[in-house]
Amino acid sequence: MKNNKPTILIIVGITGDLSKRKLLPAIGEIAKTGMIPSQFKILGVTRKSDIAIDDLLKNTSNKEYLRENTEFFQMDLEDIKDYKKLENKLGEIEKEFGSNAEYLFYLSVPPATSKRIIGLIGESGLANKACTKLLLEKPFGTDLESAKDLSSHIEEYFKSEQVYRIDHYMAKETAQNIIVFRGGNSLFKRTWNKDFISRIEVIVSEEIGIEGRANFYEQTGALRDLIQSHLLQLLALTLMDMPKNEDIEEVPRLRYEALNKLHIKENDSSLSVKRGQYSGYRQEVGNEKSMTETFASIELESSDPKWEGVEINLTTGKALKDKFTEIKIFYKKGSDHESNELLLKLQPDEGISFSVWAKRPGYEHQVSKHALNFSFKDHYSALPEAYEQVLYNAMNGDHSLFSTSEEVIETWRILDSLQKTWSTSNYDLIIYKKGSTISEIIS
């Protein structure tokens, strides 16, 4: 349901890449649908004095709306006095609206600077306003301790309902439809447990390498870049209990409960975890001794009785043969000739596929495996881009797509011991060729 309360989106770092590629185009698309508040303003915060709006709108298709509804505000993000000036500017916009407005602070800035900005928003008094919301991009910390520290810092100034931690994978149509698919189809609703499912895999395979992100990736690696955030959140959606009475507001709590029961499989570490690095990575980052993983695969277990004994795998890698993101559900089978795979595809072609056996036409009894496919693009002319959904939900106060601090801390807790082990060991890194398949790396 559309929220028509006057709204000011304050993009801190509006000249950055994220704003130009994702945020401004997303607002333009929402405006096209008429689902944006009738009184809406973008206030772009920047250190720069001369900003040409058209330089920021090269990737948008609704330029006229964005030109009319975007203003810039120059300030020093390190100076508390400038936050008071920002508050005055927001007040001026509200006078134009003729009413109070919601403030959405979107921090489109490097993670290293966000903590200080959060503190100054709080110290200035802007966080005390009931109408203020804070939108944060990952990473939320770099390990368990830093995640706890950041969470405590945010809680000094903001209430939990004011904070929106963004994981754009959760805003993809297939991810949102996991709940609908599980709850709205009796076949899967009744078989979504250990009695019928033997294995769950969540995979993000990327064809590209680090693509000029050497400094970022050398400090991050695959475990922190994708498994800690996106893959564990998708897994939580897959394992969680269904919300009662379709209450979508229960989803963050249910995801947390699923994460709380997860741990890395307790067996020979060489069997339950794998890490790799594509050939040539060390030359790209200028570090011939780098142990940063560009590939990671981990086996998990859940202590939830509903999932006892079910194998769980999370895998991601760069410079692989194919590009795709998917959740695979393997059903138990009584014989090798039974079909058993359900595929939830998040990219590149969002949809659902279920494999079945069918008899081939002809006189002889010969069978072949086929897929029953549902693709969103075959039925809908357009899908909202993930950042459109993120911004729309934040405007409407819907937290179902956003991670809570408790969820974030749980994801770091799951990986804490492995992260410490990998930071101090150098014996188990697999060097793989660009264009390898996952099976070639882990075999």
Protein backbone atom coordinates (compact mmCIF):
# COMPACT_ATOMS: atom_id res chain seq x y z
CA MET A 1 0.00 0.00 0.00
CA LYS A 2 1.34 3.40 -1.00
CA ASN A 3 2.52 5.69 1.79
CA ASN A 4 1.56 9.23 0.82
CA LYS A 5 3.25 10.97 3.74
CA PRO A 6 5.55 13.80 2.57
CA THR A 7 9.04 12.34 2.27
CA ILE A 8 12.59 13.65 1.88
CA LEU A 9 15.21 11.16 0.71
CA ILE A 10 18.60 12.42 1.89
CA ILE A 11 21.27 10.65 -0.17
CA VAL A 12 24.60 11.13 1.61
CA GLY A 13 27.15 10.77 -1.18
CA ILE A 14 24.84 11.46 -4.10
CA THR A 15 27.69 11.79 -6.61
CA GLY A 16 28.85 8.21 -5.93
CA ASP A 17 28.50 5.21 -8.22
CA LEU A 18 25.68 3.58 -6.24
CA SER A 19 23.55 6.68 -6.43
CA LYS A 20 24.04 7.13 -10.17
CA ARG A 21 23.61 3.46 -11.14
CA LYS A 22 20.94 2.34 -8.70
CA LEU A 23 19.28 4.87 -6.40
CA LEU A 24 18.33 7.67 -8.79
CA PRO A 25 17.16 5.27 -11.53
CA ALA A 26 15.11 3.40 -8.91
CA ILE A 27 13.36 6.56 -7.73
CA GLY A 28 12.65 7.48 -11.35
CA GLU A 29 11.00 4.11 -11.95
CA ILE A 30 8.90 4.25 -8.77
CA ALA A 31 7.71 7.72 -9.77
CA LYS A 32 6.57 6.38 -13.15
CA THR A 33 4.19 3.99 -11.43
CA GLY A 34 2.62 6.72 -9.30
CA MET A 35 3.60 4.81 -6.13
CA ILE A 36 5.81 7.57 -4.75
CA PRO A 37 4.48 10.15 -2.24
CA SER A 38 2.92 13.11 -4.02
CA GLN A 39 5.17 15.39 -1.96
CA PHE A 40 8.65 13.96 -2.41
CA LYS A 41 12.10 15.50 -2.57
CA ILE A 42 15.62 14.13 -3.03
CA LEU A 43 18.24 16.08 -1.12
CA GLY A 44 21.69 15.12 -2.36
CA VAL A 45 24.38 15.67 0.25
CA THR A 46 27.88 16.23 -1.13
CA ARG A 47 31.18 17.90 -0.37
CA LYS A 48 31.29 19.31 -3.90
CA SER A 49 30.04 22.78 -4.75
CA ASP A 50 29.36 22.48 -8.46
CA ILE A 51 27.05 19.56 -9.30
CA ALA A 52 25.26 19.22 -12.62
CA ILE A 53 22.14 17.12 -12.18
CA ASP A 54 22.32 15.74 -15.72
CA ASP A 55 25.74 14.26 -14.96
CA LEU A 56 24.00 12.03 -12.39
CA LEU A 57 21.07 11.03 -14.58
CA LYS A 58 22.76 9.25 -17.48
CA ASN A 59 21.30 5.88 -16.41
CA THR A 60 17.75 7.09 -15.73
CA SER A 61 14.66 7.16 -17.93
CA ASN A 62 12.60 9.65 -15.90
CA LYS A 63 14.97 12.59 -16.00
CA GLU A 64 12.34 15.34 -15.93
CA TYR A 65 10.83 14.12 -12.65
CA LEU A 66 14.27 13.75 -11.04
CA ARG A 67 15.41 17.20 -12.20
CA GLU A 68 12.29 18.79 -10.70
CA ASN A 69 12.53 16.95 -7.40
CA THR A 70 16.26 16.91 -6.64
CA GLU A 71 18.25 19.53 -4.74
CA PHE A 72 21.86 19.50 -3.57
CA PHE A 73 23.24 20.42 -0.18
CA GLN A 74 26.95 20.99 0.29
CA MET A 75 28.32 20.15 3.72
CA ASP A 76 31.31 18.83 5.64
CA LEU A 77 30.26 15.41 6.89
CA GLU A 78 32.78 15.69 9.73
CA ASP A 79 31.41 18.98 11.13
CA ILE A 80 28.50 18.83 13.58
CA LYS A 81 27.62 22.44 12.74
CA ASP A 82 26.83 21.47 9.17
CA TYR A 83 24.30 18.92 10.41
CA LYS A 84 22.42 21.77 12.07
CA LYS A 85 22.47 23.58 8.72
CA LEU A 86 21.15 20.40 7.14
CA GLU A 87 18.33 20.33 9.67
CA ASN A 88 17.44 23.91 8.73
CA LYS A 89 17.40 22.96 5.03
CA LEU A 90 15.06 20.08 5.74
CA GLY A 91 12.81 22.50 7.59
CA GLU A 92 12.71 24.77 4.54
CA ILE A 93 11.58 21.87 2.35
CA GLU A 94 8.88 21.01 4.88
CA LYS A 95 7.61 24.60 4.69
CA GLU A 96 7.31 24.15 0.92
CA PHE A 97 5.34 20.95 1.55
CA GLY A 98 3.17 22.69 4.11
CA SER A 99 3.62 19.82 6.54
CA ASN A 100 6.18 17.71 8.41
CA ALA A 101 7.97 15.05 6.37
CA GLU A 102 9.67 11.71 6.82
CA TYR A 103 13.47 11.83 6.57
CA LEU A 104 15.16 8.87 4.87
CA PHE A 105 18.94 9.06 5.34
CA TYR A 106 20.57 6.79 2.76
CA LEU A 107 24.31 6.45 3.44
CA SER A 108 25.81 5.93 -0.01
CA VAL A 109 29.35 6.25 1.36
CA PRO A 110 32.34 3.95 2.05
CA PRO A 111 31.74 1.74 5.10
CA ALA A 112 34.73 3.24 6.90
CA THR A 113 33.03 6.65 7.03
CA SER A 114 29.48 5.57 7.84
CA LYS A 115 30.03 5.05 11.58
CA ARG A 116 31.13 8.64 12.11
CA ILE A 117 28.22 9.97 10.04
CA ILE A 118 25.73 7.88 12.03
CA GLY A 119 27.11 9.38 15.24
CA LEU A 120 26.85 12.95 13.97
CA ILE A 121 23.29 12.44 12.73
CA GLY A 122 22.53 11.26 16.24
CA GLU A 123 24.43 13.99 18.07
CA SER A 124 22.77 16.68 15.95
CA GLY A 125 19.34 15.54 17.15
CA LEU A 126 18.13 14.45 13.73
CA ALA A 127 17.91 10.83 14.86
CA ASN A 128 15.56 11.77 17.68
CA LYS A 129 12.80 12.69 15.28
CA ALA A 130 10.19 9.97 14.98
CA CYS A 131 10.09 10.61 11.23
CA THR A 132 13.78 9.77 10.70
CA LYS A 133 14.87 6.50 9.05
CA LEU A 134 18.42 5.26 8.44
CA LEU A 135 19.24 3.13 5.39
CA LEU A 136 22.59 1.30 5.47
CA GLU A 137 24.50 -0.66 2.84
CA LYS A 138 26.56 -3.73 3.71
CA PRO A 139 29.06 -4.64 5.01
CA PHE A 140 27.74 -4.42 8.55
CA GLY A 141 31.08 -4.94 10.26
CA THR A 142 34.02 -7.09 9.21
CA ASP A 143 33.78 -9.79 11.87
CA LEU A 144 31.72 -10.74 14.92
CA GLU A 145 33.24 -8.16 17.27
CA SER A 146 33.06 -5.25 14.84
CA ALA A 147 29.44 -6.15 13.98
CA LYS A 148 28.52 -6.06 17.67
CA ASP A 149 30.35 -2.75 18.06
CA LEU A 150 28.58 -1.19 15.05
CA SER A 151 25.22 -2.45 16.24
CA SER A 152 25.77 -0.93 19.69
CA HIS A 153 26.87 2.35 18.11
CA ILE A 154 23.72 2.55 15.99
CA GLU A 155 21.53 1.70 18.99
CA GLU A 156 22.96 4.71 20.87
CA TYR A 157 21.12 7.01 18.48
CA PHE A 158 18.44 5.06 16.61
CA LYS A 159 15.61 2.76 17.61
CA SER A 160 15.52 -0.58 15.82
CA GLU A 161 12.38 0.37 13.86
CA GLN A 162 14.24 3.36 12.40
CA VAL A 163 17.05 1.27 10.89
CA TYR A 164 16.96 -0.48 7.49
CA ARG A 165 19.98 -2.68 6.69
CA ILE A 166 19.97 -3.37 2.97
CA ASP A 167 20.55 -6.72 1.29
CA HIS A 168 19.40 -6.22 -2.30
CA TYR A 169 19.30 -9.99 -2.91
CA MET A 170 16.34 -10.15 -0.52
CA ALA A 171 14.45 -7.73 -2.78
CA LYS A 172 14.64 -9.94 -5.86
CA GLU A 173 11.25 -11.29 -6.94
CA THR A 174 12.22 -14.95 -6.50
CA ALA A 175 13.54 -14.29 -2.98
CA GLN A 176 10.31 -12.52 -2.04
CA ASN A 177 8.33 -15.36 -3.57
CA ILE A 178 10.01 -18.06 -1.49
CA ILE A 179 7.46 -17.45 1.27
CA VAL A 180 4.52 -17.37 -1.16
CA PHE A 181 5.80 -20.46 -2.97
CA ARG A 182 6.21 -22.41 0.26
CA GLY A 183 2.94 -21.33 1.86
CA GLY A 184 0.70 -21.10 -1.19
CA ASN A 185 1.34 -24.52 -2.76
CA SER A 186 0.16 -27.51 -0.75
CA LEU A 187 2.61 -29.92 -2.42
CA PHE A 188 5.64 -28.01 -1.17
CA LYS A 189 4.08 -26.73 2.06
CA ARG A 190 3.71 -30.28 3.32
CA THR A 191 7.10 -31.54 2.12
CA TRP A 192 9.34 -28.66 3.23
CA ASN A 193 11.22 -30.58 5.93
CA LYS A 194 13.77 -33.31 6.65
CA ASP A 195 11.28 -36.09 5.92
CA PHE A 196 11.28 -35.20 2.23
CA ILE A 197 14.37 -33.02 1.60
CA SER A 198 17.91 -34.42 1.65
CA ARG A 199 20.03 -31.41 0.64
CA ILE A 200 19.83 -27.64 0.16
CA GLU A 201 22.34 -25.63 -1.87
CA VAL A 202 22.56 -21.85 -2.22
CA ILE A 203 24.97 -20.80 -4.99
CA VAL A 204 26.21 -17.50 -6.39
CA SER A 205 28.45 -18.12 -9.41
CA GLU A 206 30.07 -15.10 -11.07
CA GLU A 207 31.87 -14.98 -14.41
CA ILE A 208 33.71 -11.75 -13.64
CA GLY A 209 36.79 -11.40 -11.47
CA ILE A 210 37.36 -8.50 -9.09
CA GLU A 211 36.97 -5.95 -11.93
CA GLY A 212 39.06 -3.08 -10.55
CA ARG A 213 37.95 -3.61 -6.93
CA ALA A 214 41.39 -4.78 -5.78
CA ASN A 215 41.60 -2.79 -2.55
CA PHE A 216 38.09 -3.71 -1.45
CA TYR A 217 38.31 -7.36 -2.35
CA GLU A 218 41.75 -7.96 -0.89
CA GLN A 219 40.38 -6.80 2.47
CA THR A 220 37.11 -8.71 2.14
CA GLY A 221 37.15 -12.02 0.24
CA ALA A 222 34.29 -14.27 -0.79
CA LEU A 223 33.36 -15.40 2.72
CA ARG A 224 32.62 -11.88 3.92
CA ASP A 225 31.50 -10.40 0.60
CA LEU A 226 28.72 -12.87 -0.21
CA ILE A 227 28.36 -15.80 2.19
CA GLN A 228 28.07 -13.73 5.37
CA SER A 229 25.34 -11.56 3.92
CA HIS A 230 23.46 -12.67 0.83
CA LEU A 231 23.79 -16.45 0.97
CA LEU A 232 23.05 -16.84 4.67
CA GLN A 233 20.02 -14.57 4.36
CA LEU A 234 18.67 -16.59 1.43
CA LEU A 235 19.27 -19.77 3.42
CA ALA A 236 17.40 -18.30 6.39
CA LEU A 237 14.42 -17.59 4.14
CA THR A 238 14.54 -21.20 2.97
CA LEU A 239 14.77 -22.76 6.45
CA MET A 240 12.61 -20.45 8.55
CA ASP A 241 9.16 -21.29 9.87
CA MET A 242 6.28 -19.81 7.91
CA PRO A 243 4.72 -16.64 9.37
CA LYS A 244 1.31 -17.26 10.92
CA ASN A 245 -1.66 -15.68 9.19
CA GLU A 246 0.70 -14.47 6.42
CA ASP A 247 2.03 -11.78 8.77
CA ILE A 248 5.00 -10.51 6.74
CA GLU A 249 6.27 -8.42 9.66
CA GLU A 250 7.20 -11.68 11.40
CA VAL A 251 9.75 -12.57 8.70
CA PRO A 252 12.87 -10.90 10.23
CA ARG A 253 12.28 -12.66 13.56
CA LEU A 254 11.75 -16.00 11.83
CA ARG A 255 14.91 -15.56 9.73
CA TYR A 256 16.84 -14.83 12.94
CA GLU A 257 15.52 -18.00 14.59
CA ALA A 258 16.64 -20.05 11.58
CA LEU A 259 20.12 -18.48 11.64
CA ASN A 260 20.40 -19.06 15.39
CA LYS A 261 20.21 -22.84 14.82
CA LEU A 262 22.92 -22.97 12.14
CA HIS A 263 26.57 -23.95 12.54
CA ILE A 264 29.36 -25.19 10.29
CA LYS A 265 29.27 -28.96 9.95
CA GLU A 266 31.38 -30.62 12.60
CA ASN A 267 33.69 -33.00 10.80
CA ASP A 268 37.08 -32.89 9.07
CA SER A 269 37.41 -29.20 8.13
CA SER A 270 38.85 -30.13 4.75
CA LEU A 271 35.53 -31.80 3.96
CA SER A 272 33.12 -29.18 5.35
CA VAL A 273 34.85 -26.03 4.02
CA LYS A 274 36.75 -25.21 0.85
CA ARG A 275 38.43 -22.00 -0.27
CA GLY A 276 40.04 -21.11 -3.56
CA GLN A 277 41.63 -18.27 -5.51
CA TYR A 278 41.60 -17.86 -9.26
CA SER A 279 44.90 -17.88 -11.10
CA GLY A 280 46.11 -14.34 -11.73
CA TYR A 281 44.34 -12.79 -8.74
CA ARG A 282 47.60 -12.09 -6.92
CA GLN A 283 48.93 -10.14 -9.87
CA GLU A 284 45.68 -8.13 -10.07
CA VAL A 285 45.93 -7.05 -6.43
CA GLY A 286 49.71 -6.67 -6.44
CA ASN A 287 50.26 -9.14 -3.60
CA GLU A 288 52.11 -12.34 -4.51
CA LYS A 289 51.45 -13.79 -1.05
CA SER A 290 47.72 -13.03 -0.92
CA MET A 291 45.57 -15.71 0.73
CA THR A 292 42.30 -13.90 0.05
CA GLU A 293 39.72 -16.35 -1.22
CA THR A 294 37.75 -15.65 -4.40
CA PHE A 295 35.89 -18.96 -3.95
CA ALA A 296 34.32 -20.37 -0.80
CA SER A 297 32.13 -23.39 -0.14
CA ILE A 298 30.91 -24.39 3.31
CA GLU A 299 28.76 -27.20 4.66
CA LEU A 300 26.32 -26.29 7.43
CA GLU A 301 24.00 -28.09 9.81
CA SER A 302 20.84 -26.95 11.57
CA SER A 303 19.89 -27.99 15.10
CA ASP A 304 16.22 -27.41 14.25
CA PRO A 305 14.47 -30.81 14.52
CA LYS A 306 12.69 -30.09 11.22
CA TRP A 307 16.04 -29.99 9.39
CA GLU A 308 18.04 -32.57 11.35
CA GLY A 309 20.33 -34.50 9.01
CA VAL A 310 19.67 -32.33 5.94
CA GLU A 311 22.88 -31.41 4.13
CA ILE A 312 23.27 -27.65 3.62
CA ASN A 313 25.83 -26.03 1.33
CA LEU A 314 26.66 -22.41 0.55
CA THR A 315 29.00 -21.74 -2.39
CA THR A 316 30.20 -18.64 -4.19
CA GLY A 317 33.07 -17.85 -6.51
CA LYS A 318 34.44 -15.34 -8.99
CA ALA A 319 35.88 -15.95 -12.47
CA LEU A 320 33.79 -19.11 -12.86
CA LYS A 321 32.35 -20.59 -16.04
CA ASP A 322 28.78 -19.33 -15.60
CA LYS A 323 26.87 -16.49 -13.97
CA PHE A 324 23.86 -17.50 -11.87
CA THR A 325 22.30 -17.27 -8.43
CA GLU A 326 20.05 -20.11 -7.34
CA ILE A 327 18.69 -22.17 -4.49
CA LYS A 328 18.57 -25.91 -5.13
CA ILE A 329 16.29 -28.21 -3.13
CA PHE A 330 17.04 -31.93 -3.51
CA TYR A 331 14.20 -34.23 -2.54
CA LYS A 332 14.82 -37.70 -1.15
CA LYS A 333 14.29 -40.52 -3.62
CA GLY A 334 13.79 -44.23 -3.34
CA SER A 335 15.68 -45.05 -6.53
CA ASP A 336 18.14 -43.42 -8.91
CA HIS A 337 15.44 -43.05 -11.52
CA GLU A 338 13.33 -40.65 -9.49
CA SER A 339 13.39 -36.95 -10.25
CA ASN A 340 14.10 -34.86 -7.21
CA GLU A 341 15.31 -31.30 -7.88
CA LEU A 342 13.54 -28.00 -7.28
CA LEU A 343 15.37 -24.91 -8.51
CA LEU A 344 14.67 -21.35 -7.37
CA LYS A 345 16.47 -19.01 -9.80
CA LEU A 346 17.33 -15.46 -8.74
CA GLN A 347 19.46 -14.51 -11.72
CA PRO A 348 19.93 -14.11 -14.60
CA ASP A 349 16.39 -15.35 -15.34
CA GLU A 350 14.23 -15.16 -12.21
CA GLY A 351 11.86 -18.06 -11.82
CA ILE A 352 11.23 -21.59 -10.58
CA SER A 353 12.00 -24.95 -12.18
CA PHE A 354 11.02 -28.45 -11.09
CA SER A 355 12.47 -31.55 -12.72
CA VAL A 356 10.19 -34.46 -13.61
CA TRP A 357 10.51 -37.76 -15.47
CA ALA A 358 8.29 -38.40 -18.47
CA LYS A 359 7.96 -41.28 -20.93
CA ARG A 360 9.36 -40.55 -24.37
CA PRO A 361 6.92 -40.80 -27.27
CA GLY A 362 7.24 -44.16 -29.00
CA TYR A 363 6.58 -47.87 -28.62
CA GLU A 364 9.35 -48.59 -26.12
CA HIS A 365 9.21 -47.64 -22.46
CA GLN A 366 11.99 -45.07 -22.33
CA VAL A 367 11.96 -42.06 -20.01
CA SER A 368 13.72 -38.67 -19.94
CA LYS A 369 14.09 -35.91 -17.40
CA HIS A 370 12.35 -32.64 -18.21
CA ALA A 371 11.83 -29.34 -16.39
CA LEU A 372 8.56 -27.65 -15.50
CA ASN A 373 9.49 -23.99 -15.71
CA PHE A 374 7.99 -20.77 -14.46
CA SER A 375 9.80 -17.61 -15.54
CA PHE A 376 8.66 -14.18 -14.39
CA LYS A 377 9.60 -12.59 -17.70
CA ASP A 378 7.19 -14.89 -19.55
CA HIS A 379 4.23 -13.57 -17.57
CA TYR A 380 5.13 -10.01 -16.56
CA SER A 381 6.30 -7.21 -18.81
CA ALA A 382 8.65 -5.76 -16.21
CA LEU A 383 10.11 -6.67 -12.84
CA PRO A 384 10.97 -3.99 -10.28
CA GLU A 385 14.72 -3.69 -9.91
CA ALA A 386 15.86 -4.70 -6.42
CA TYR A 387 16.66 -1.14 -5.33
CA GLU A 388 13.19 0.00 -6.37
CA GLN A 389 11.74 -2.53 -3.95
CA VAL A 390 14.22 -1.58 -1.22
CA LEU A 391 13.39 2.13 -1.41
CA TYR A 392 9.65 1.54 -1.73
CA ASN A 393 9.57 -0.74 1.32
CA ALA A 394 11.62 1.69 3.39
CA MET A 395 9.27 4.56 2.50
CA ASN A 396 6.37 2.38 3.60
CA GLY A 397 7.98 1.18 6.83
CA ASP A 398 8.08 -2.48 5.75
CA HIS A 399 11.05 -4.21 7.42
CA SER A 400 10.52 -7.64 5.88
CA LEU A 401 13.33 -7.24 3.30
CA PHE A 402 15.84 -5.76 5.75
CA SER A 403 18.23 -7.45 8.17
CA THR A 404 17.96 -6.81 11.88
CA SER A 405 21.04 -6.30 14.04
CA GLU A 406 20.35 -9.70 15.62
CA GLU A 407 20.41 -11.38 12.21
CA VAL A 408 23.67 -9.66 11.26
CA ILE A 409 25.36 -10.76 14.48
CA GLU A 410 24.15 -14.34 13.96
CA THR A 411 25.64 -14.50 10.45
CA TRP A 412 29.01 -13.38 11.83
CA ARG A 413 28.68 -15.84 14.73
CA ILE A 414 28.21 -18.74 12.28
CA LEU A 415 31.41 -17.85 10.40
CA ASP A 416 33.51 -16.57 13.31
CA SER A 417 35.71 -19.62 13.93
CA LEU A 418 36.21 -20.26 10.21
CA GLN A 419 37.12 -16.65 9.58
CA LYS A 420 39.75 -16.77 12.32
CA THR A 421 41.16 -20.06 10.99
CA TRP A 422 41.46 -18.77 7.43
CA SER A 423 43.13 -15.57 8.61
CA THR A 424 45.97 -17.52 10.24
CA SER A 425 46.44 -20.53 7.92
CA ASN A 426 47.78 -20.80 4.39
CA TYR A 427 47.81 -24.51 3.62
CA ASP A 428 44.40 -25.18 2.10
CA LEU A 429 43.97 -22.56 -0.63
CA ILE A 430 42.98 -24.09 -4.00
CA ILE A 431 44.31 -22.24 -7.05
CA TYR A 432 41.84 -22.63 -9.92
CA LYS A 433 41.78 -21.56 -13.54
CA LYS A 434 39.47 -18.80 -14.69
CA GLY A 435 36.36 -20.30 -16.23
CA SER A 436 36.34 -23.35 -13.93
CA THR A 437 33.12 -24.95 -12.76
CA ILE A 438 32.31 -25.38 -9.08
CA SER A 439 32.62 -29.15 -9.32
CA GLU A 440 36.09 -28.85 -10.88
CA ILE A 441 37.29 -26.74 -7.94
CA ILE A 442 35.94 -28.80 -5.07
CA SER A 443 36.48 -32.28 -6.53
